[in-house]
Amino acid sequence: MSLYFLLGTLTTEGRTRVHTNRNLVVEAARKVSGAGAEILGQYAVLGRYDYLMMIEADDNDAVARLSLEMGVSTGMHIETLPGIPIGFLTDGGRDDPVISPESVRLTPPEV
């Protein structure tokens, strides 16, 4: 599974929806997880974006479906960024988690 970051900005319609239903983003996230993609974390942020979501997905298609469904149900413009471990840029050891060439695995591997 690969790691993705979804950066969300509420549209004018989305701000109205969230103002009417403060739980809208949380409710939408509960509905869209699954089918090859899982929301690992969701944060309100300050600055250029309103929300950040950390996603683990089987492939680009799965995260694209989740992103589309999340955007439609919340009135949010979403920018999707794949997370690429920085370890491939270094000559460091594989045991150092800061520079690991492999993705940080947030869910245990299936046995």
N, C-alpha and C. Protein backbone atom coordinates (compact mmCIF):
# COMPACT_ATOMS: atom_id res chain seq x y z
N MET A 1 0.84 -1.18 0.00
CA MET A 1 0.00 0.00 0.00
C MET A 1 0.88 1.24 0.00
N SER A 2 0.38 2.29 -0.63
CA SER A 2 1.13 3.53 -0.72
C SER A 2 0.47 4.61 0.12
N LEU A 3 1.28 5.59 0.48
CA LEU A 3 0.82 6.70 1.31
C LEU A 3 0.53 7.92 0.44
N TYR A 4 -0.57 8.59 0.73
CA TYR A 4 -0.98 9.79 0.00
C TYR A 4 -1.40 10.86 1.01
N PHE A 5 -1.25 12.11 0.61
CA PHE A 5 -1.74 13.23 1.40
C PHE A 5 -2.76 13.98 0.55
N LEU A 6 -3.94 14.19 1.09
CA LEU A 6 -4.98 14.95 0.40
C LEU A 6 -5.09 16.30 1.10
N LEU A 7 -4.91 17.36 0.33
CA LEU A 7 -5.00 18.71 0.85
C LEU A 7 -6.31 19.30 0.36
N GLY A 8 -7.18 19.68 1.29
CA GLY A 8 -8.51 20.13 0.91
C GLY A 8 -8.77 21.59 1.23
N THR A 9 -9.43 22.26 0.31
CA THR A 9 -9.86 23.65 0.49
C THR A 9 -11.36 23.70 0.23
N LEU A 10 -12.10 24.22 1.20
CA LEU A 10 -13.55 24.31 1.05
C LEU A 10 -13.92 25.34 -0.01
N THR A 11 -14.84 24.97 -0.87
CA THR A 11 -15.39 25.93 -1.83
C THR A 11 -16.41 26.79 -1.08
N THR A 12 -16.96 27.77 -1.74
CA THR A 12 -18.00 28.61 -1.11
C THR A 12 -19.17 27.73 -0.67
N GLU A 13 -19.57 26.81 -1.52
CA GLU A 13 -20.65 25.89 -1.17
C GLU A 13 -20.24 24.99 -0.01
N GLY A 14 -19.00 24.54 -0.01
CA GLY A 14 -18.50 23.69 1.07
C GLY A 14 -18.50 24.39 2.42
N ARG A 15 -18.11 25.68 2.43
CA ARG A 15 -18.14 26.45 3.68
C ARG A 15 -19.56 26.54 4.22
N THR A 16 -20.52 26.74 3.32
CA THR A 16 -21.93 26.79 3.74
C THR A 16 -22.37 25.46 4.31
N ARG A 17 -21.98 24.37 3.64
CA ARG A 17 -22.33 23.03 4.12
C ARG A 17 -21.75 22.76 5.50
N VAL A 18 -20.47 23.10 5.70
CA VAL A 18 -19.81 22.86 6.98
C VAL A 18 -20.41 23.76 8.07
N HIS A 19 -20.77 24.96 7.70
CA HIS A 19 -21.41 25.86 8.67
C HIS A 19 -22.76 25.29 9.13
N THR A 20 -23.47 24.67 8.21
CA THR A 20 -24.77 24.06 8.53
C THR A 20 -24.59 22.76 9.31
N ASN A 21 -23.58 21.97 8.98
CA ASN A 21 -23.33 20.68 9.62
C ASN A 21 -21.85 20.59 10.00
N ARG A 22 -21.53 20.89 11.23
CA ARG A 22 -20.13 20.91 11.70
C ARG A 22 -19.44 19.55 11.59
N ASN A 23 -20.21 18.48 11.51
CA ASN A 23 -19.66 17.13 11.42
C ASN A 23 -19.54 16.62 9.99
N LEU A 24 -19.80 17.47 9.02
CA LEU A 24 -19.85 17.05 7.62
C LEU A 24 -18.59 16.33 7.16
N VAL A 25 -17.43 16.89 7.42
CA VAL A 25 -16.17 16.32 6.93
C VAL A 25 -15.90 14.97 7.59
N VAL A 26 -16.17 14.86 8.88
CA VAL A 26 -15.97 13.59 9.59
C VAL A 26 -16.95 12.54 9.07
N GLU A 27 -18.20 12.92 8.90
CA GLU A 27 -19.21 11.98 8.39
C GLU A 27 -18.85 11.51 6.98
N ALA A 28 -18.40 12.42 6.15
CA ALA A 28 -18.03 12.06 4.77
C ALA A 28 -16.84 11.10 4.78
N ALA A 29 -15.87 11.34 5.65
CA ALA A 29 -14.70 10.46 5.73
C ALA A 29 -15.10 9.05 6.14
N ARG A 30 -16.04 8.92 7.05
CA ARG A 30 -16.50 7.59 7.47
C ARG A 30 -17.15 6.84 6.31
N LYS A 31 -17.83 7.55 5.44
CA LYS A 31 -18.55 6.92 4.33
C LYS A 31 -17.63 6.50 3.19
N VAL A 32 -16.54 7.22 2.96
CA VAL A 32 -15.72 6.97 1.77
C VAL A 32 -14.56 6.01 1.99
N SER A 33 -14.17 5.73 3.22
CA SER A 33 -13.07 4.78 3.45
C SER A 33 -13.49 3.39 2.96
N GLY A 34 -12.54 2.69 2.41
CA GLY A 34 -12.81 1.34 1.91
C GLY A 34 -12.48 1.23 0.45
N ALA A 35 -12.75 0.08 -0.13
CA ALA A 35 -12.51 -0.17 -1.56
C ALA A 35 -11.09 0.18 -1.96
N GLY A 36 -10.11 -0.30 -1.16
CA GLY A 36 -8.71 -0.10 -1.54
C GLY A 36 -8.05 1.14 -0.99
N ALA A 37 -8.77 1.95 -0.22
CA ALA A 37 -8.18 3.16 0.35
C ALA A 37 -8.75 3.39 1.75
N GLU A 38 -7.88 3.80 2.65
CA GLU A 38 -8.28 4.02 4.04
C GLU A 38 -7.73 5.35 4.53
N ILE A 39 -8.58 6.12 5.20
CA ILE A 39 -8.14 7.39 5.79
C ILE A 39 -7.48 7.07 7.12
N LEU A 40 -6.20 7.41 7.24
CA LEU A 40 -5.43 7.14 8.46
C LEU A 40 -5.48 8.29 9.45
N GLY A 41 -5.62 9.49 8.95
CA GLY A 41 -5.67 10.66 9.80
C GLY A 41 -6.29 11.81 9.06
N GLN A 42 -6.94 12.68 9.82
CA GLN A 42 -7.61 13.83 9.21
C GLN A 42 -7.41 15.02 10.14
N TYR A 43 -7.00 16.14 9.57
CA TYR A 43 -6.66 17.31 10.38
C TYR A 43 -7.21 18.57 9.74
N ALA A 44 -7.69 19.48 10.57
CA ALA A 44 -7.97 20.84 10.13
C ALA A 44 -6.64 21.58 10.24
N VAL A 45 -6.30 22.38 9.24
CA VAL A 45 -5.01 23.07 9.26
C VAL A 45 -5.21 24.55 8.97
N LEU A 46 -4.24 25.32 9.35
CA LEU A 46 -4.26 26.76 9.10
C LEU A 46 -3.38 27.05 7.90
N GLY A 47 -3.72 28.06 7.14
CA GLY A 47 -2.91 28.42 5.98
C GLY A 47 -3.69 28.28 4.70
N ARG A 48 -3.00 27.89 3.66
CA ARG A 48 -3.58 27.81 2.32
C ARG A 48 -4.70 26.76 2.21
N TYR A 49 -4.59 25.70 2.99
CA TYR A 49 -5.56 24.61 2.94
C TYR A 49 -6.38 24.59 4.22
N ASP A 50 -7.56 23.98 4.14
CA ASP A 50 -8.44 23.86 5.30
C ASP A 50 -8.30 22.51 5.99
N TYR A 51 -8.03 21.47 5.21
CA TYR A 51 -7.94 20.11 5.75
C TYR A 51 -6.79 19.36 5.12
N LEU A 52 -6.24 18.43 5.89
CA LEU A 52 -5.21 17.52 5.40
C LEU A 52 -5.65 16.12 5.81
N MET A 53 -5.60 15.20 4.87
CA MET A 53 -5.94 13.81 5.15
C MET A 53 -4.77 12.93 4.74
N MET A 54 -4.44 11.97 5.58
CA MET A 54 -3.40 11.01 5.29
C MET A 54 -4.11 9.71 4.90
N ILE A 55 -3.79 9.20 3.72
CA ILE A 55 -4.49 8.06 3.13
C ILE A 55 -3.49 6.96 2.83
N GLU A 56 -3.89 5.73 3.07
CA GLU A 56 -3.13 4.58 2.61
C GLU A 56 -4.00 3.89 1.57
N ALA A 57 -3.46 3.68 0.37
CA ALA A 57 -4.27 3.14 -0.72
C ALA A 57 -3.49 2.09 -1.51
N ASP A 58 -4.27 1.18 -2.11
CA ASP A 58 -3.68 0.13 -2.94
C ASP A 58 -3.00 0.69 -4.18
N ASP A 59 -3.63 1.72 -4.78
CA ASP A 59 -3.12 2.27 -6.02
C ASP A 59 -3.72 3.65 -6.26
N ASN A 60 -3.28 4.29 -7.34
CA ASN A 60 -3.77 5.63 -7.68
C ASN A 60 -5.27 5.65 -7.93
N ASP A 61 -5.80 4.60 -8.54
CA ASP A 61 -7.24 4.55 -8.82
C ASP A 61 -8.05 4.60 -7.53
N ALA A 62 -7.62 3.86 -6.52
CA ALA A 62 -8.36 3.82 -5.25
C ALA A 62 -8.35 5.18 -4.56
N VAL A 63 -7.21 5.84 -4.54
CA VAL A 63 -7.14 7.15 -3.89
C VAL A 63 -7.88 8.20 -4.72
N ALA A 64 -7.90 8.06 -6.02
CA ALA A 64 -8.64 8.99 -6.87
C ALA A 64 -10.15 8.88 -6.61
N ARG A 65 -10.64 7.64 -6.47
CA ARG A 65 -12.06 7.45 -6.14
C ARG A 65 -12.40 8.07 -4.79
N LEU A 66 -11.55 7.82 -3.78
CA LEU A 66 -11.79 8.38 -2.46
C LEU A 66 -11.77 9.91 -2.51
N SER A 67 -10.81 10.47 -3.21
CA SER A 67 -10.69 11.92 -3.33
C SER A 67 -11.92 12.53 -4.00
N LEU A 68 -12.37 11.91 -5.08
CA LEU A 68 -13.55 12.41 -5.79
C LEU A 68 -14.79 12.35 -4.90
N GLU A 69 -15.00 11.21 -4.24
CA GLU A 69 -16.17 11.07 -3.38
C GLU A 69 -16.12 12.06 -2.21
N MET A 70 -14.95 12.24 -1.64
CA MET A 70 -14.80 13.18 -0.52
C MET A 70 -15.08 14.61 -0.99
N GLY A 71 -14.58 14.97 -2.14
CA GLY A 71 -14.79 16.32 -2.66
C GLY A 71 -16.25 16.61 -2.98
N VAL A 72 -16.92 15.65 -3.61
CA VAL A 72 -18.32 15.83 -3.97
C VAL A 72 -19.20 15.92 -2.72
N SER A 73 -18.94 15.07 -1.73
CA SER A 73 -19.81 15.04 -0.56
C SER A 73 -19.58 16.20 0.40
N THR A 74 -18.44 16.87 0.31
CA THR A 74 -18.15 17.98 1.24
C THR A 74 -18.11 19.35 0.60
N GLY A 75 -18.05 19.40 -0.72
CA GLY A 75 -17.87 20.69 -1.38
C GLY A 75 -16.45 21.20 -1.17
N MET A 76 -15.49 20.30 -1.38
CA MET A 76 -14.09 20.63 -1.14
C MET A 76 -13.29 20.39 -2.42
N HIS A 77 -12.38 21.30 -2.71
CA HIS A 77 -11.41 21.08 -3.78
C HIS A 77 -10.24 20.33 -3.14
N ILE A 78 -9.85 19.20 -3.72
CA ILE A 78 -8.81 18.38 -3.12
C ILE A 78 -7.63 18.23 -4.07
N GLU A 79 -6.45 18.45 -3.52
CA GLU A 79 -5.20 18.21 -4.23
C GLU A 79 -4.58 16.97 -3.61
N THR A 80 -4.26 15.99 -4.43
CA THR A 80 -3.74 14.71 -3.94
C THR A 80 -2.24 14.62 -4.22
N LEU A 81 -1.48 14.33 -3.17
CA LEU A 81 -0.03 14.22 -3.29
C LEU A 81 0.41 12.82 -2.87
N PRO A 82 1.15 12.10 -3.71
CA PRO A 82 1.70 10.82 -3.27
C PRO A 82 2.86 11.07 -2.33
N GLY A 83 2.93 10.29 -1.25
CA GLY A 83 4.05 10.39 -0.31
C GLY A 83 5.15 9.44 -0.76
N ILE A 84 6.32 9.99 -1.03
CA ILE A 84 7.45 9.18 -1.49
C ILE A 84 8.52 9.23 -0.41
N PRO A 85 8.88 8.07 0.16
CA PRO A 85 9.89 8.05 1.22
C PRO A 85 11.21 8.66 0.72
N ILE A 86 11.86 9.46 1.56
CA ILE A 86 13.08 10.14 1.13
C ILE A 86 14.32 9.26 1.20
N GLY A 87 14.20 8.06 1.72
CA GLY A 87 15.34 7.18 1.87
C GLY A 87 16.05 6.84 0.57
N PHE A 88 15.32 6.85 -0.53
CA PHE A 88 15.96 6.51 -1.81
C PHE A 88 16.98 7.56 -2.24
N LEU A 89 16.95 8.74 -1.60
CA LEU A 89 17.88 9.81 -1.95
C LEU A 89 19.21 9.72 -1.20
N THR A 90 19.29 8.85 -0.20
CA THR A 90 20.47 8.81 0.66
C THR A 90 21.25 7.52 0.49
N ASP A 91 22.45 7.52 1.04
CA ASP A 91 23.27 6.32 1.09
C ASP A 91 23.24 5.72 2.48
N GLY A 92 22.36 6.23 3.36
CA GLY A 92 22.29 5.80 4.76
C GLY A 92 21.81 4.37 4.91
N GLY A 93 21.86 3.92 6.15
CA GLY A 93 21.47 2.55 6.47
C GLY A 93 19.96 2.36 6.45
N ARG A 94 19.54 1.16 6.20
CA ARG A 94 18.12 0.83 6.13
C ARG A 94 17.47 0.81 7.50
N ASP A 95 18.25 0.75 8.58
CA ASP A 95 17.69 0.66 9.92
C ASP A 95 17.25 2.01 10.47
N ASP A 96 17.64 3.08 9.85
CA ASP A 96 17.28 4.42 10.33
C ASP A 96 15.90 4.78 9.77
N PRO A 97 14.85 4.87 10.64
CA PRO A 97 13.50 5.14 10.14
C PRO A 97 13.34 6.52 9.50
N VAL A 98 14.23 7.44 9.81
CA VAL A 98 14.14 8.78 9.22
C VAL A 98 14.47 8.75 7.73
N ILE A 99 15.37 7.87 7.34
CA ILE A 99 15.78 7.83 5.93
C ILE A 99 15.45 6.49 5.29
N SER A 100 14.53 5.76 5.84
CA SER A 100 14.17 4.45 5.31
C SER A 100 13.76 4.56 3.85
N PRO A 101 14.29 3.68 3.00
CA PRO A 101 13.91 3.72 1.59
C PRO A 101 12.52 3.15 1.35
N GLU A 102 11.92 2.57 2.38
CA GLU A 102 10.59 2.00 2.24
C GLU A 102 9.55 2.89 2.89
N SER A 103 8.32 2.76 2.47
CA SER A 103 7.22 3.52 3.01
C SER A 103 7.00 3.19 4.47
N VAL A 104 6.62 4.19 5.24
CA VAL A 104 6.24 3.97 6.63
C VAL A 104 4.97 3.17 6.62
N ARG A 105 4.96 2.02 7.20
CA ARG A 105 3.78 1.17 7.20
C ARG A 105 2.97 1.47 8.46
N LEU A 106 1.80 2.04 8.27
CA LEU A 106 0.98 2.43 9.41
C LEU A 106 0.02 1.34 9.81
N THR A 107 -0.21 0.38 8.94
CA THR A 107 -1.04 -0.75 9.29
C THR A 107 -0.19 -2.00 9.15
N PRO A 108 -0.39 -2.98 10.04
CA PRO A 108 0.45 -4.18 9.96
C PRO A 108 0.19 -4.94 8.66
N PRO A 109 1.23 -5.56 8.12
CA PRO A 109 1.05 -6.33 6.88
C PRO A 109 0.12 -7.50 7.14
N GLU A 110 -0.64 -7.87 6.11
CA GLU A 110 -1.52 -9.02 6.21
C GLU A 110 -0.69 -10.28 6.17
N VAL A 111 -1.08 -11.22 6.99
CA VAL A 111 -0.33 -12.49 7.05
C VAL A 111 -1.13 -13.59 6.41
